[in-house]
Amino acid sequence: MDTLFPSQNLQEYFRSLKWPGATEFRKAEPQHWKAYPSYRSVSGLVIRVRNMTDVVLFRAGHYTAVDEPDAANKMILNFIEGDANAWETPDDAKTHEKRGSTERG
């Protein structure tokens, strides 16, 4: 868990923003995301509405690139390359899950 910028605080802030997709964003359910199809576990959760993408990586704190380097790299590449399909929910992770703590166990 990132104690400087907790994901819960950022999510509350994102939900408070006023923009054309705000209502849709507030109602959106987070989807599981795997950085790579070969990953055995889900890398995090993503909400995509219009031009807004919110990603929470699991098992990562303030130094995300140190905690989860592969997932962080793939997330950044997805943003840079603008590949909308990169955020697709993997077939083996189609269940929904409410956002929770990303704290390491």
PDB file of N, CA and C in Angstrom:
ATOM      1  N   MET A   1       0.834  -1.175   0.000  1.00  0.00           N
ATOM      2  CA  MET A   1       0.000   0.000   0.000  1.00  0.00           C
ATOM      3  C   MET A   1       0.880   1.240   0.000  1.00  0.00           C
ATOM      4  N   ASP A   2       0.493   2.208  -0.770  1.00  0.00           N
ATOM      5  CA  ASP A   2       1.209   3.473  -0.850  1.00  0.00           C
ATOM      6  C   ASP A   2       0.646   4.419   0.207  1.00  0.00           C
ATOM      7  N   THR A   3       1.428   4.708   1.236  1.00  0.00           N
ATOM      8  CA  THR A   3       0.936   5.572   2.313  1.00  0.00           C
ATOM      9  C   THR A   3       0.983   7.052   1.944  1.00  0.00           C
ATOM     10  N   LEU A   4       1.757   7.417   0.920  1.00  0.00           N
ATOM     11  CA  LEU A   4       1.803   8.811   0.476  1.00  0.00           C
ATOM     12  C   LEU A   4       0.616   9.155  -0.415  1.00  0.00           C
ATOM     13  N   PHE A   5       0.272   8.244  -1.316  1.00  0.00           N
ATOM     14  CA  PHE A   5      -0.841   8.442  -2.236  1.00  0.00           C
ATOM     15  C   PHE A   5      -1.700   7.181  -2.267  1.00  0.00           C
ATOM     16  N   PRO A   6      -2.457   6.905  -1.214  1.00  0.00           N
ATOM     17  CA  PRO A   6      -3.271   5.681  -1.187  1.00  0.00           C
ATOM     18  C   PRO A   6      -4.259   5.650  -2.353  1.00  0.00           C
ATOM     19  N   SER A   7      -4.401   4.486  -2.965  1.00  0.00           N
ATOM     20  CA  SER A   7      -5.289   4.372  -4.128  1.00  0.00           C
ATOM     21  C   SER A   7      -6.721   4.760  -3.779  1.00  0.00           C
ATOM     22  N   GLN A   8      -7.153   4.511  -2.553  1.00  0.00           N
ATOM     23  CA  GLN A   8      -8.517   4.870  -2.157  1.00  0.00           C
ATOM     24  C   GLN A   8      -8.726   6.384  -2.240  1.00  0.00           C
ATOM     25  N   ASN A   9      -7.728   7.165  -1.825  1.00  0.00           N
ATOM     26  CA  ASN A   9      -7.840   8.621  -1.901  1.00  0.00           C
ATOM     27  C   ASN A   9      -7.876   9.094  -3.346  1.00  0.00           C
ATOM     28  N   LEU A  10      -7.052   8.502  -4.183  1.00  0.00           N
ATOM     29  CA  LEU A  10      -7.053   8.875  -5.596  1.00  0.00           C
ATOM     30  C   LEU A  10      -8.382   8.523  -6.246  1.00  0.00           C
ATOM     31  N   GLN A  11      -8.940   7.372  -5.907  1.00  0.00           N
ATOM     32  CA  GLN A  11     -10.230   6.967  -6.469  1.00  0.00           C
ATOM     33  C   GLN A  11     -11.334   7.934  -6.052  1.00  0.00           C
ATOM     34  N   GLU A  12     -11.327   8.363  -4.795  1.00  0.00           N
ATOM     35  CA  GLU A  12     -12.317   9.349  -4.338  1.00  0.00           C
ATOM     36  C   GLU A  12     -12.166  10.645  -5.120  1.00  0.00           C
ATOM     37  N   TYR A  13     -10.938  11.063  -5.347  1.00  0.00           N
ATOM     38  CA  TYR A  13     -10.689  12.277  -6.123  1.00  0.00           C
ATOM     39  C   TYR A  13     -11.203  12.113  -7.553  1.00  0.00           C
ATOM     40  N   PHE A  14     -10.881  11.000  -8.197  1.00  0.00           N
ATOM     41  CA  PHE A  14     -11.343  10.771  -9.569  1.00  0.00           C
ATOM     42  C   PHE A  14     -12.865  10.801  -9.647  1.00  0.00           C
ATOM     43  N   ARG A  15     -13.527  10.226  -8.648  1.00  0.00           N
ATOM     44  CA  ARG A  15     -14.997  10.217  -8.638  1.00  0.00           C
ATOM     45  C   ARG A  15     -15.573  11.615  -8.404  1.00  0.00           C
ATOM     46  N   SER A  16     -14.794  12.524  -7.843  1.00  0.00           N
ATOM     47  CA  SER A  16     -15.280  13.882  -7.582  1.00  0.00           C
ATOM     48  C   SER A  16     -15.111  14.813  -8.782  1.00  0.00           C
ATOM     49  N   LEU A  17     -14.337  14.406  -9.771  1.00  0.00           N
ATOM     50  CA  LEU A  17     -14.098  15.259 -10.935  1.00  0.00           C
ATOM     51  C   LEU A  17     -15.384  15.494 -11.723  1.00  0.00           C
ATOM     52  N   LYS A  18     -15.495  16.697 -12.274  1.00  0.00           N
ATOM     53  CA  LYS A  18     -16.649  17.028 -13.107  1.00  0.00           C
ATOM     54  C   LYS A  18     -16.180  17.046 -14.559  1.00  0.00           C
ATOM     55  N   TRP A  19     -16.693  16.119 -15.340  1.00  0.00           N
ATOM     56  CA  TRP A  19     -16.351  16.002 -16.756  1.00  0.00           C
ATOM     57  C   TRP A  19     -17.491  15.254 -17.440  1.00  0.00           C
ATOM     58  N   PRO A  20     -17.580  15.262 -18.764  1.00  0.00           N
ATOM     59  CA  PRO A  20     -18.722  14.651 -19.458  1.00  0.00           C
ATOM     60  C   PRO A  20     -18.962  13.175 -19.135  1.00  0.00           C
ATOM     61  N   GLY A  21     -17.936  12.426 -18.759  1.00  0.00           N
ATOM     62  CA  GLY A  21     -18.105  11.002 -18.467  1.00  0.00           C
ATOM     63  C   GLY A  21     -18.174  10.685 -16.982  1.00  0.00           C
ATOM     64  N   ALA A  22     -18.330  11.706 -16.139  1.00  0.00           N
ATOM     65  CA  ALA A  22     -18.254  11.517 -14.687  1.00  0.00           C
ATOM     66  C   ALA A  22     -19.284  10.529 -14.155  1.00  0.00           C
ATOM     67  N   THR A  23     -20.532  10.660 -14.568  1.00  0.00           N
ATOM     68  CA  THR A  23     -21.581   9.763 -14.069  1.00  0.00           C
ATOM     69  C   THR A  23     -21.297   8.331 -14.479  1.00  0.00           C
ATOM     70  N   GLU A  24     -20.905   8.148 -15.722  1.00  0.00           N
ATOM     71  CA  GLU A  24     -20.571   6.814 -16.232  1.00  0.00           C
ATOM     72  C   GLU A  24     -19.374   6.229 -15.474  1.00  0.00           C
ATOM     73  N   PHE A  25     -18.379   7.070 -15.202  1.00  0.00           N
ATOM     74  CA  PHE A  25     -17.182   6.627 -14.487  1.00  0.00           C
ATOM     75  C   PHE A  25     -17.528   6.182 -13.065  1.00  0.00           C
ATOM     76  N   ARG A  26     -18.387   6.948 -12.395  1.00  0.00           N
ATOM     77  CA  ARG A  26     -18.766   6.609 -11.018  1.00  0.00           C
ATOM     78  C   ARG A  26     -19.514   5.284 -10.939  1.00  0.00           C
ATOM     79  N   LYS A  27     -20.240   4.941 -11.989  1.00  0.00           N
ATOM     80  CA  LYS A  27     -21.027   3.703 -12.006  1.00  0.00           C
ATOM     81  C   LYS A  27     -20.229   2.499 -12.507  1.00  0.00           C
ATOM     82  N   ALA A  28     -19.092   2.741 -13.135  1.00  0.00           N
ATOM     83  CA  ALA A  28     -18.315   1.662 -13.759  1.00  0.00           C
ATOM     84  C   ALA A  28     -17.748   0.701 -12.715  1.00  0.00           C
ATOM     85  N   GLU A  29     -17.789  -0.575 -13.045  1.00  0.00           N
ATOM     86  CA  GLU A  29     -17.206  -1.622 -12.190  1.00  0.00           C
ATOM     87  C   GLU A  29     -15.761  -1.872 -12.622  1.00  0.00           C
ATOM     88  N   PRO A  30     -14.853  -1.975 -11.680  1.00  0.00           N
ATOM     89  CA  PRO A  30     -13.469  -2.287 -12.033  1.00  0.00           C
ATOM     90  C   PRO A  30     -13.371  -3.674 -12.674  1.00  0.00           C
ATOM     91  N   GLN A  31     -12.509  -3.784 -13.657  1.00  0.00           N
ATOM     92  CA  GLN A  31     -12.273  -5.051 -14.343  1.00  0.00           C
ATOM     93  C   GLN A  31     -10.874  -5.557 -14.002  1.00  0.00           C
ATOM     94  N   HIS A  32     -10.737  -6.859 -13.923  1.00  0.00           N
ATOM     95  CA  HIS A  32      -9.409  -7.442 -13.723  1.00  0.00           C
ATOM     96  C   HIS A  32      -8.545  -7.146 -14.940  1.00  0.00           C
ATOM     97  N   TRP A  33      -7.264  -6.960 -14.695  1.00  0.00           N
ATOM     98  CA  TRP A  33      -6.308  -6.726 -15.769  1.00  0.00           C
ATOM     99  C   TRP A  33      -5.063  -7.554 -15.501  1.00  0.00           C
ATOM    100  N   LYS A  34      -4.601  -8.227 -16.550  1.00  0.00           N
ATOM    101  CA  LYS A  34      -3.327  -8.952 -16.492  1.00  0.00           C
ATOM    102  C   LYS A  34      -2.349  -8.221 -17.395  1.00  0.00           C
ATOM    103  N   ALA A  35      -1.169  -7.966 -16.883  1.00  0.00           N
ATOM    104  CA  ALA A  35      -0.162  -7.282 -17.685  1.00  0.00           C
ATOM    105  C   ALA A  35       0.184  -8.103 -18.926  1.00  0.00           C
ATOM    106  N   TYR A  36       0.270  -9.403 -18.747  1.00  0.00           N
ATOM    107  CA  TYR A  36       0.584 -10.303 -19.859  1.00  0.00           C
ATOM    108  C   TYR A  36      -0.303 -11.536 -19.754  1.00  0.00           C
ATOM    109  N   PRO A  37      -0.766 -12.073 -20.879  1.00  0.00           N
ATOM    110  CA  PRO A  37      -1.649 -13.245 -20.844  1.00  0.00           C
ATOM    111  C   PRO A  37      -1.053 -14.441 -20.113  1.00  0.00           C
ATOM    112  N   SER A  38       0.259 -14.559 -20.118  1.00  0.00           N
ATOM    113  CA  SER A  38       0.902 -15.710 -19.474  1.00  0.00           C
ATOM    114  C   SER A  38       0.924 -15.595 -17.947  1.00  0.00           C
ATOM    115  N   TYR A  39       0.592 -14.428 -17.414  1.00  0.00           N
ATOM    116  CA  TYR A  39       0.572 -14.264 -15.956  1.00  0.00           C
ATOM    117  C   TYR A  39      -0.466 -15.177 -15.337  1.00  0.00           C
ATOM    118  N   ARG A  40      -0.107 -15.811 -14.232  1.00  0.00           N
ATOM    119  CA  ARG A  40      -1.042 -16.707 -13.539  1.00  0.00           C
ATOM    120  C   ARG A  40      -2.057 -15.925 -12.719  1.00  0.00           C
ATOM    121  N   SER A  41      -1.684 -14.759 -12.255  1.00  0.00           N
ATOM    122  CA  SER A  41      -2.609 -13.983 -11.426  1.00  0.00           C
ATOM    123  C   SER A  41      -2.889 -12.620 -12.060  1.00  0.00           C
ATOM    124  N   VAL A  42      -3.938 -12.013 -11.583  1.00  0.00           N
ATOM    125  CA  VAL A  42      -4.350 -10.700 -12.069  1.00  0.00           C
ATOM    126  C   VAL A  42      -3.343  -9.659 -11.578  1.00  0.00           C
ATOM    127  N   SER A  43      -2.998  -8.715 -12.453  1.00  0.00           N
ATOM    128  CA  SER A  43      -2.022  -7.681 -12.103  1.00  0.00           C
ATOM    129  C   SER A  43      -2.649  -6.503 -11.366  1.00  0.00           C
ATOM    130  N   GLY A  44      -3.936  -6.289 -11.615  1.00  0.00           N
ATOM    131  CA  GLY A  44      -4.597  -5.158 -10.972  1.00  0.00           C
ATOM    132  C   GLY A  44      -6.018  -5.000 -11.463  1.00  0.00           C
ATOM    133  N   LEU A  45      -6.549  -3.822 -11.210  1.00  0.00           N
ATOM    134  CA  LEU A  45      -7.909  -3.491 -11.625  1.00  0.00           C
ATOM    135  C   LEU A  45      -7.871  -2.245 -12.490  1.00  0.00           C
ATOM    136  N   VAL A  46      -8.778  -2.195 -13.461  1.00  0.00           N
ATOM    137  CA  VAL A  46      -8.831  -1.046 -14.363  1.00  0.00           C
ATOM    138  C   VAL A  46     -10.282  -0.618 -14.563  1.00  0.00           C
ATOM    139  N   ILE A  47     -10.474   0.688 -14.616  1.00  0.00           N
ATOM    140  CA  ILE A  47     -11.755   1.263 -15.022  1.00  0.00           C
ATOM    141  C   ILE A  47     -11.455   2.139 -16.227  1.00  0.00           C
ATOM    142  N   ARG A  48     -12.172   1.906 -17.330  1.00  0.00           N
ATOM    143  CA  ARG A  48     -12.012   2.722 -18.539  1.00  0.00           C
ATOM    144  C   ARG A  48     -13.365   3.301 -18.911  1.00  0.00           C
ATOM    145  N   VAL A  49     -13.420   4.604 -18.974  1.00  0.00           N
ATOM    146  CA  VAL A  49     -14.616   5.304 -19.426  1.00  0.00           C
ATOM    147  C   VAL A  49     -14.158   6.457 -20.310  1.00  0.00           C
ATOM    148  N   ARG A  50     -14.593   6.405 -21.563  1.00  0.00           N
ATOM    149  CA  ARG A  50     -14.211   7.423 -22.546  1.00  0.00           C
ATOM    150  C   ARG A  50     -12.693   7.580 -22.575  1.00  0.00           C
ATOM    151  N   ASN A  51     -12.207   8.787 -22.271  1.00  0.00           N
ATOM    152  CA  ASN A  51     -10.754   9.014 -22.330  1.00  0.00           C
ATOM    153  C   ASN A  51     -10.089   8.945 -20.954  1.00  0.00           C
ATOM    154  N   MET A  52     -10.782   8.357 -19.980  1.00  0.00           N
ATOM    155  CA  MET A  52     -10.246   8.236 -18.617  1.00  0.00           C
ATOM    156  C   MET A  52      -9.958   6.771 -18.311  1.00  0.00           C
ATOM    157  N   THR A  53      -8.750   6.487 -17.881  1.00  0.00           N
ATOM    158  CA  THR A  53      -8.368   5.136 -17.468  1.00  0.00           C
ATOM    159  C   THR A  53      -7.746   5.221 -16.085  1.00  0.00           C
ATOM    160  N   ASP A  54      -8.287   4.444 -15.167  1.00  0.00           N
ATOM    161  CA  ASP A  54      -7.788   4.384 -13.793  1.00  0.00           C
ATOM    162  C   ASP A  54      -7.305   2.962 -13.542  1.00  0.00           C
ATOM    163  N   VAL A  55      -6.048   2.819 -13.174  1.00  0.00           N
ATOM    164  CA  VAL A  55      -5.463   1.497 -12.940  1.00  0.00           C
ATOM    165  C   VAL A  55      -4.921   1.432 -11.515  1.00  0.00           C
ATOM    166  N   VAL A  56      -5.231   0.341 -10.835  1.00  0.00           N
ATOM    167  CA  VAL A  56      -4.642   0.056  -9.522  1.00  0.00           C
ATOM    168  C   VAL A  56      -3.888  -1.257  -9.666  1.00  0.00           C
ATOM    169  N   LEU A  57      -2.582  -1.208  -9.446  1.00  0.00           N
ATOM    170  CA  LEU A  57      -1.770  -2.421  -9.508  1.00  0.00           C
ATOM    171  C   LEU A  57      -1.749  -3.092  -8.144  1.00  0.00           C
ATOM    172  N   PHE A  58      -1.913  -4.406  -8.145  1.00  0.00           N
ATOM    173  CA  PHE A  58      -1.816  -5.177  -6.908  1.00  0.00           C
ATOM    174  C   PHE A  58      -0.348  -5.359  -6.537  1.00  0.00           C
ATOM    175  N   ARG A  59      -0.098  -5.562  -5.271  1.00  0.00           N
ATOM    176  CA  ARG A  59       1.239  -5.861  -4.752  1.00  0.00           C
ATOM    177  C   ARG A  59       2.247  -4.745  -5.044  1.00  0.00           C
ATOM    178  N   ALA A  60       1.770  -3.504  -5.155  1.00  0.00           N
ATOM    179  CA  ALA A  60       2.667  -2.391  -5.452  1.00  0.00           C
ATOM    180  C   ALA A  60       2.380  -1.225  -4.514  1.00  0.00           C
ATOM    181  N   GLY A  61       3.439  -0.568  -4.087  1.00  0.00           N
ATOM    182  CA  GLY A  61       3.310   0.585  -3.217  1.00  0.00           C
ATOM    183  C   GLY A  61       3.775   1.844  -3.919  1.00  0.00           C
ATOM    184  N   HIS A  62       4.391   2.760  -3.165  1.00  0.00           N
ATOM    185  CA  HIS A  62       4.827   4.040  -3.716  1.00  0.00           C
ATOM    186  C   HIS A  62       5.895   3.856  -4.796  1.00  0.00           C
ATOM    187  N   TYR A  63       6.708   2.830  -4.660  1.00  0.00           N
ATOM    188  CA  TYR A  63       7.740   2.545  -5.661  1.00  0.00           C
ATOM    189  C   TYR A  63       7.267   1.393  -6.541  1.00  0.00           C
ATOM    190  N   THR A  64       6.247   1.665  -7.300  1.00  0.00           N
ATOM    191  CA  THR A  64       5.580   0.644  -8.110  1.00  0.00           C
ATOM    192  C   THR A  64       6.547  -0.083  -9.030  1.00  0.00           C
ATOM    193  N   ALA A  65       7.425   0.658  -9.668  1.00  0.00           N
ATOM    194  CA  ALA A  65       8.359   0.043 -10.615  1.00  0.00           C
ATOM    195  C   ALA A  65       9.336  -0.902  -9.924  1.00  0.00           C
ATOM    196  N   VAL A  66       9.547  -0.732  -8.643  1.00  0.00           N
ATOM    197  CA  VAL A  66      10.403  -1.642  -7.873  1.00  0.00           C
ATOM    198  C   VAL A  66       9.587  -2.842  -7.402  1.00  0.00           C
ATOM    199  N   ASP A  67       8.358  -2.579  -6.933  1.00  0.00           N
ATOM    200  CA  ASP A  67       7.509  -3.640  -6.386  1.00  0.00           C
ATOM    201  C   ASP A  67       6.993  -4.594  -7.460  1.00  0.00           C
ATOM    202  N   GLU A  68       6.563  -4.057  -8.581  1.00  0.00           N
ATOM    203  CA  GLU A  68       5.980  -4.857  -9.671  1.00  0.00           C
ATOM    204  C   GLU A  68       6.498  -4.339 -11.012  1.00  0.00           C
ATOM    205  N   PRO A  69       7.785  -4.559 -11.320  1.00  0.00           N
ATOM    206  CA  PRO A  69       8.385  -3.945 -12.508  1.00  0.00           C
ATOM    207  C   PRO A  69       7.736  -4.339 -13.829  1.00  0.00           C
ATOM    208  N   ASP A  70       7.404  -5.607 -14.017  1.00  0.00           N
ATOM    209  CA  ASP A  70       6.822  -6.030 -15.298  1.00  0.00           C
ATOM    210  C   ASP A  70       5.442  -5.422 -15.511  1.00  0.00           C
ATOM    211  N   ALA A  71       4.607  -5.481 -14.491  1.00  0.00           N
ATOM    212  CA  ALA A  71       3.253  -4.932 -14.604  1.00  0.00           C
ATOM    213  C   ALA A  71       3.303  -3.413 -14.769  1.00  0.00           C
ATOM    214  N   ALA A  72       4.192  -2.750 -14.039  1.00  0.00           N
ATOM    215  CA  ALA A  72       4.321  -1.296 -14.149  1.00  0.00           C
ATOM    216  C   ALA A  72       4.783  -0.903 -15.548  1.00  0.00           C
ATOM    217  N   ASN A  73       5.752  -1.629 -16.080  1.00  0.00           N
ATOM    218  CA  ASN A  73       6.248  -1.359 -17.429  1.00  0.00           C
ATOM    219  C   ASN A  73       5.134  -1.517 -18.460  1.00  0.00           C
ATOM    220  N   LYS A  74       4.393  -2.598 -18.366  1.00  0.00           N
ATOM    221  CA  LYS A  74       3.310  -2.850 -19.320  1.00  0.00           C
ATOM    222  C   LYS A  74       2.219  -1.786 -19.195  1.00  0.00           C
ATOM    223  N   MET A  75       1.891  -1.385 -17.973  1.00  0.00           N
ATOM    224  CA  MET A  75       0.889  -0.347 -17.762  1.00  0.00           C
ATOM    225  C   MET A  75       1.323   0.960 -18.436  1.00  0.00           C
ATOM    226  N   ILE A  76       2.570   1.353 -18.224  1.00  0.00           N
ATOM    227  CA  ILE A  76       3.078   2.587 -18.817  1.00  0.00           C
ATOM    228  C   ILE A  76       3.081   2.492 -20.337  1.00  0.00           C
ATOM    229  N   LEU A  77       3.517   1.351 -20.880  1.00  0.00           N
ATOM    230  CA  LEU A  77       3.489   1.166 -22.335  1.00  0.00           C
ATOM    231  C   LEU A  77       2.069   1.272 -22.879  1.00  0.00           C
ATOM    232  N   ASN A  78       1.103   0.705 -22.164  1.00  0.00           N
ATOM    233  CA  ASN A  78      -0.295   0.798 -22.603  1.00  0.00           C
ATOM    234  C   ASN A  78      -0.739   2.253 -22.696  1.00  0.00           C
ATOM    235  N   PHE A  79      -0.367   3.061 -21.715  1.00  0.00           N
ATOM    236  CA  PHE A  79      -0.732   4.477 -21.745  1.00  0.00           C
ATOM    237  C   PHE A  79      -0.024   5.203 -22.882  1.00  0.00           C
ATOM    238  N   ILE A  80       1.271   4.966 -23.044  1.00  0.00           N
ATOM    239  CA  ILE A  80       2.045   5.649 -24.082  1.00  0.00           C
ATOM    240  C   ILE A  80       1.558   5.271 -25.474  1.00  0.00           C
ATOM    241  N   GLU A  81       1.340   3.983 -25.688  1.00  0.00           N
ATOM    242  CA  GLU A  81       0.938   3.504 -27.011  1.00  0.00           C
ATOM    243  C   GLU A  81      -0.539   3.725 -27.291  1.00  0.00           C
ATOM    244  N   GLY A  82      -1.328   3.994 -26.259  1.00  0.00           N
ATOM    245  CA  GLY A  82      -2.752   4.259 -26.444  1.00  0.00           C
ATOM    246  C   GLY A  82      -3.527   3.076 -26.986  1.00  0.00           C
ATOM    247  N   ASP A  83      -3.101   1.870 -26.653  1.00  0.00           N
ATOM    248  CA  ASP A  83      -3.749   0.656 -27.151  1.00  0.00           C
ATOM    249  C   ASP A  83      -4.961   0.318 -26.284  1.00  0.00           C
ATOM    250  N   ALA A  84      -6.158   0.633 -26.769  1.00  0.00           N
ATOM    251  CA  ALA A  84      -7.392   0.389 -26.007  1.00  0.00           C
ATOM    252  C   ALA A  84      -7.583  -1.093 -25.708  1.00  0.00           C
ATOM    253  N   ASN A  85      -7.157  -1.970 -26.605  1.00  0.00           N
ATOM    254  CA  ASN A  85      -7.322  -3.412 -26.399  1.00  0.00           C
ATOM    255  C   ASN A  85      -6.406  -3.957 -25.305  1.00  0.00           C
ATOM    256  N   ALA A  86      -5.377  -3.208 -24.956  1.00  0.00           N
ATOM    257  CA  ALA A  86      -4.427  -3.667 -23.941  1.00  0.00           C
ATOM    258  C   ALA A  86      -5.070  -3.780 -22.568  1.00  0.00           C
ATOM    259  N   TRP A  87      -6.209  -3.135 -22.367  1.00  0.00           N
ATOM    260  CA  TRP A  87      -6.880  -3.152 -21.068  1.00  0.00           C
ATOM    261  C   TRP A  87      -8.000  -4.177 -21.015  1.00  0.00           C
ATOM    262  N   GLU A  88      -8.130  -5.003 -22.038  1.00  0.00           N
ATOM    263  CA  GLU A  88      -9.185  -6.023 -22.067  1.00  0.00           C
ATOM    264  C   GLU A  88      -9.053  -6.961 -20.871  1.00  0.00           C
ATOM    265  N   THR A  89     -10.184  -7.399 -20.357  1.00  0.00           N
ATOM    266  CA  THR A  89     -10.193  -8.360 -19.258  1.00  0.00           C
ATOM    267  C   THR A  89      -9.826  -9.732 -19.796  1.00  0.00           C
ATOM    268  N   PRO A  90      -8.834 -10.399 -19.218  1.00  0.00           N
ATOM    269  CA  PRO A  90      -8.470 -11.733 -19.701  1.00  0.00           C
ATOM    270  C   PRO A  90      -9.610 -12.723 -19.486  1.00  0.00           C
ATOM    271  N   ASP A  91      -9.724 -13.700 -20.373  1.00  0.00           N
ATOM    272  CA  ASP A  91     -10.806 -14.686 -20.309  1.00  0.00           C
ATOM    273  C   ASP A  91     -10.861 -15.418 -18.978  1.00  0.00           C
ATOM    274  N   ASP A  92      -9.716 -15.662 -18.376  1.00  0.00           N
ATOM    275  CA  ASP A  92      -9.704 -16.419 -17.125  1.00  0.00           C
ATOM    276  C   ASP A  92      -9.861 -15.521 -15.894  1.00  0.00           C
ATOM    277  N   ALA A  93     -10.198 -14.264 -16.109  1.00  0.00           N
ATOM    278  CA  ALA A  93     -10.369 -13.342 -14.976  1.00  0.00           C
ATOM    279  C   ALA A  93     -11.610 -12.476 -15.168  1.00  0.00           C
ATOM    280  N   LYS A  94     -12.681 -13.068 -15.666  1.00  0.00           N
ATOM    281  CA  LYS A  94     -13.885 -12.314 -15.997  1.00  0.00           C
ATOM    282  C   LYS A  94     -14.747 -11.929 -14.805  1.00  0.00           C
ATOM    283  N   THR A  95     -14.407 -12.361 -13.625  1.00  0.00           N
ATOM    284  CA  THR A  95     -15.231 -12.021 -12.468  1.00  0.00           C
ATOM    285  C   THR A  95     -14.929 -10.604 -12.006  1.00  0.00           C
ATOM    286  N   HIS A  96     -15.918  -9.955 -11.436  1.00  0.00           N
ATOM    287  CA  HIS A  96     -15.758  -8.588 -10.943  1.00  0.00           C
ATOM    288  C   HIS A  96     -15.321  -8.615  -9.485  1.00  0.00           C
ATOM    289  N   GLU A  97     -14.605  -7.619  -9.088  1.00  0.00           N
ATOM    290  CA  GLU A  97     -14.136  -7.516  -7.709  1.00  0.00           C
ATOM    291  C   GLU A  97     -14.113  -6.042  -7.346  1.00  0.00           C
ATOM    292  N   LYS A  98     -14.638  -5.728  -6.204  1.00  0.00           N
ATOM    293  CA  LYS A  98     -14.578  -4.343  -5.730  1.00  0.00           C
ATOM    294  C   LYS A  98     -13.131  -4.013  -5.402  1.00  0.00           C
ATOM    295  N   ARG A  99     -12.777  -2.773  -5.581  1.00  0.00           N
ATOM    296  CA  ARG A  99     -11.416  -2.366  -5.267  1.00  0.00           C
ATOM    297  C   ARG A  99     -11.164  -2.492  -3.787  1.00  0.00           C
ATOM    298  N   GLY A 100     -10.041  -3.048  -3.487  1.00  0.00           N
ATOM    299  CA  GLY A 100      -9.663  -3.215  -2.090  1.00  0.00           C
ATOM    300  C   GLY A 100      -8.235  -2.781  -1.903  1.00  0.00           C
ATOM    301  N   SER A 101      -7.690  -3.180  -0.840  1.00  0.00           N
ATOM    302  CA  SER A 101      -6.326  -2.824  -0.516  1.00  0.00           C
ATOM    303  C   SER A 101      -5.360  -3.487  -1.488  1.00  0.00           C
ATOM    304  N   THR A 102      -4.332  -2.753  -1.863  1.00  0.00           N
ATOM    305  CA  THR A 102      -3.267  -3.315  -2.690  1.00  0.00           C
ATOM    306  C   THR A 102      -2.062  -3.652  -1.813  1.00  0.00           C
ATOM    307  N   GLU A 103      -2.311  -3.693  -0.524  1.00  0.00           N
ATOM    308  CA  GLU A 103      -1.258  -3.943   0.451  1.00  0.00           C
ATOM    309  C   GLU A 103      -0.685  -5.343   0.298  1.00  0.00           C
ATOM    310  N   ARG A 104       0.623  -5.422   0.461  1.00  0.00           N
ATOM    311  CA  ARG A 104       1.280  -6.736   0.414  1.00  0.00           C
ATOM    312  C   ARG A 104       1.017  -7.474   1.705  1.00  0.00           C
ATOM    313  N   GLY A 105       0.775  -8.791   1.569  1.00  0.00           N
ATOM    314  CA  GLY A 105       0.362  -9.595   2.650  1.00  0.00           C
ATOM    315  C   GLY A 105       1.254 -10.044   3.673  1.00  0.00           C
TER     316      GLY A 105
END
